[in-house]
Amino acid sequence: MNIDLSGKTAIVTGSTAGIGLAIAKGLATAGAKVIVNGRTEGATGRSLDEVAAAFVAAQRPSSIIRRPASAEEVANMVVYAASLQASATTGAALRVDGGVVDTIA
């Protein structure tokens, strides 16, 4: 079977071993960009900072700050967007670059 997944992005959990790894390889072979994860840095081979930087470079090339937003910056944007001061702000004027957060606790 020939499946073309060019231009698609897949997130495969448990993708550093076993069935998850096989699925990730299969999706990549079909042309998808594959995001892998593991429970430890050693499992993925890259640190959180390296993964975050690669994500911003690949998925947010027009980023103004050229780095993932911190959890505090995202929280500040959410508070602002829910405030009365944001009543005249359009969604196009709001932007938080990011995509990788190591914990919400």
Protein backbone atom coordinates (compact mmCIF):
# COMPACT_ATOMS: atom_id res chain seq x y z
CA MET A 1 0.00 0.00 0.00
CA ASN A 2 1.35 3.42 -0.94
CA ILE A 3 0.17 6.22 1.33
CA ASP A 4 1.44 9.79 0.85
CA LEU A 5 1.48 11.76 4.10
CA SER A 6 3.59 14.63 2.77
CA GLY A 7 2.71 17.88 4.49
CA LYS A 8 1.11 16.08 7.45
CA THR A 9 2.38 16.06 11.02
CA ALA A 10 1.93 13.11 13.36
CA ILE A 11 2.44 12.91 17.12
CA VAL A 12 3.23 9.38 18.25
CA THR A 13 3.25 8.74 21.98
CA GLY A 14 5.44 5.95 23.28
CA SER A 15 7.49 6.37 20.13
CA THR A 16 10.96 5.50 21.40
CA ALA A 17 10.47 1.73 21.49
CA GLY A 18 8.24 -1.13 20.41
CA ILE A 19 5.03 -0.57 18.47
CA GLY A 20 5.20 3.21 18.91
CA LEU A 21 8.66 3.33 17.33
CA ALA A 22 7.52 1.15 14.43
CA ILE A 23 4.50 3.39 13.85
CA ALA A 24 6.66 6.53 13.97
CA LYS A 25 9.06 5.03 11.41
CA GLY A 26 6.19 3.98 9.16
CA LEU A 27 4.62 7.45 9.25
CA ALA A 28 7.99 9.07 8.52
CA THR A 29 8.55 6.69 5.60
CA ALA A 30 5.15 7.76 4.22
CA GLY A 31 6.34 11.38 4.26
CA ALA A 32 4.88 12.71 7.51
CA LYS A 33 6.77 14.95 9.92
CA VAL A 34 6.79 12.84 13.08
CA ILE A 35 6.99 14.19 16.61
CA VAL A 36 8.32 11.59 19.02
CA ASN A 37 8.34 11.59 22.78
CA GLY A 38 9.85 9.60 25.58
CA ARG A 39 9.79 9.54 29.34
CA THR A 40 13.44 10.56 29.62
CA GLU A 41 15.77 12.88 27.73
CA GLY A 42 17.92 9.87 26.85
CA ALA A 43 14.98 8.19 25.12
CA THR A 44 14.50 11.00 22.61
CA GLY A 45 18.16 11.98 22.42
CA ARG A 46 17.50 15.69 22.83
CA SER A 47 16.91 18.01 25.75
CA LEU A 48 13.66 19.91 26.23
CA ASP A 49 15.40 23.13 25.18
CA GLU A 50 16.65 21.51 21.95
CA VAL A 51 13.21 20.14 21.14
CA ALA A 52 11.58 23.51 21.88
CA ALA A 53 14.07 25.40 19.69
CA ALA A 54 13.60 22.92 16.83
CA PHE A 55 9.81 23.21 17.11
CA VAL A 56 9.87 27.00 16.88
CA ALA A 57 12.30 26.95 13.96
CA ALA A 58 10.25 24.40 12.02
CA GLN A 59 6.67 25.26 12.96
CA ARG A 60 6.83 28.99 13.80
CA PRO A 61 9.34 30.49 11.34
CA SER A 62 7.72 33.93 11.60
CA SER A 63 8.05 33.99 15.39
CA ILE A 64 8.90 37.44 16.64
CA ILE A 65 10.69 36.22 19.77
CA ARG A 66 12.26 33.16 18.04
CA ARG A 67 11.83 30.98 21.13
CA PRO A 68 8.99 29.19 22.88
CA ALA A 69 6.97 31.36 25.22
CA SER A 70 7.42 30.66 28.90
CA ALA A 71 4.53 29.31 30.93
CA GLU A 72 4.31 32.72 32.63
CA GLU A 73 4.05 34.53 29.28
CA VAL A 74 1.26 32.21 28.13
CA ALA A 75 -0.57 32.69 31.43
CA ASN A 76 -0.25 36.48 31.12
CA MET A 77 -1.73 36.35 27.60
CA VAL A 78 -4.67 34.27 28.82
CA VAL A 79 -5.35 36.68 31.69
CA TYR A 80 -5.22 39.63 29.30
CA ALA A 81 -7.47 37.97 26.71
CA ALA A 82 -10.09 37.32 29.42
CA SER A 83 -9.93 40.87 30.78
CA LEU A 84 -12.10 43.90 30.03
CA GLN A 85 -9.05 45.64 28.57
CA ALA A 86 -9.03 43.12 25.71
CA SER A 87 -12.59 43.87 24.62
CA ALA A 88 -11.40 45.82 21.56
CA THR A 89 -8.54 43.44 20.72
CA THR A 90 -8.98 41.09 17.79
CA GLY A 91 -7.59 37.57 17.76
CA ALA A 92 -5.21 38.59 15.00
CA ALA A 93 -3.50 40.98 17.42
CA LEU A 94 -2.79 38.28 20.00
CA ARG A 95 0.17 35.99 19.59
CA VAL A 96 2.01 33.62 21.88
CA ASP A 97 4.74 31.53 20.30
CA GLY A 98 5.44 28.18 21.83
CA GLY A 99 4.39 24.61 21.80
CA VAL A 100 6.57 22.85 24.33
CA VAL A 101 5.89 22.94 28.06
CA ASP A 102 7.65 20.47 30.34
CA THR A 103 5.03 20.69 33.08
CA ILE A 104 1.93 22.63 34.07
CA ALA A 105 2.44 21.99 37.77
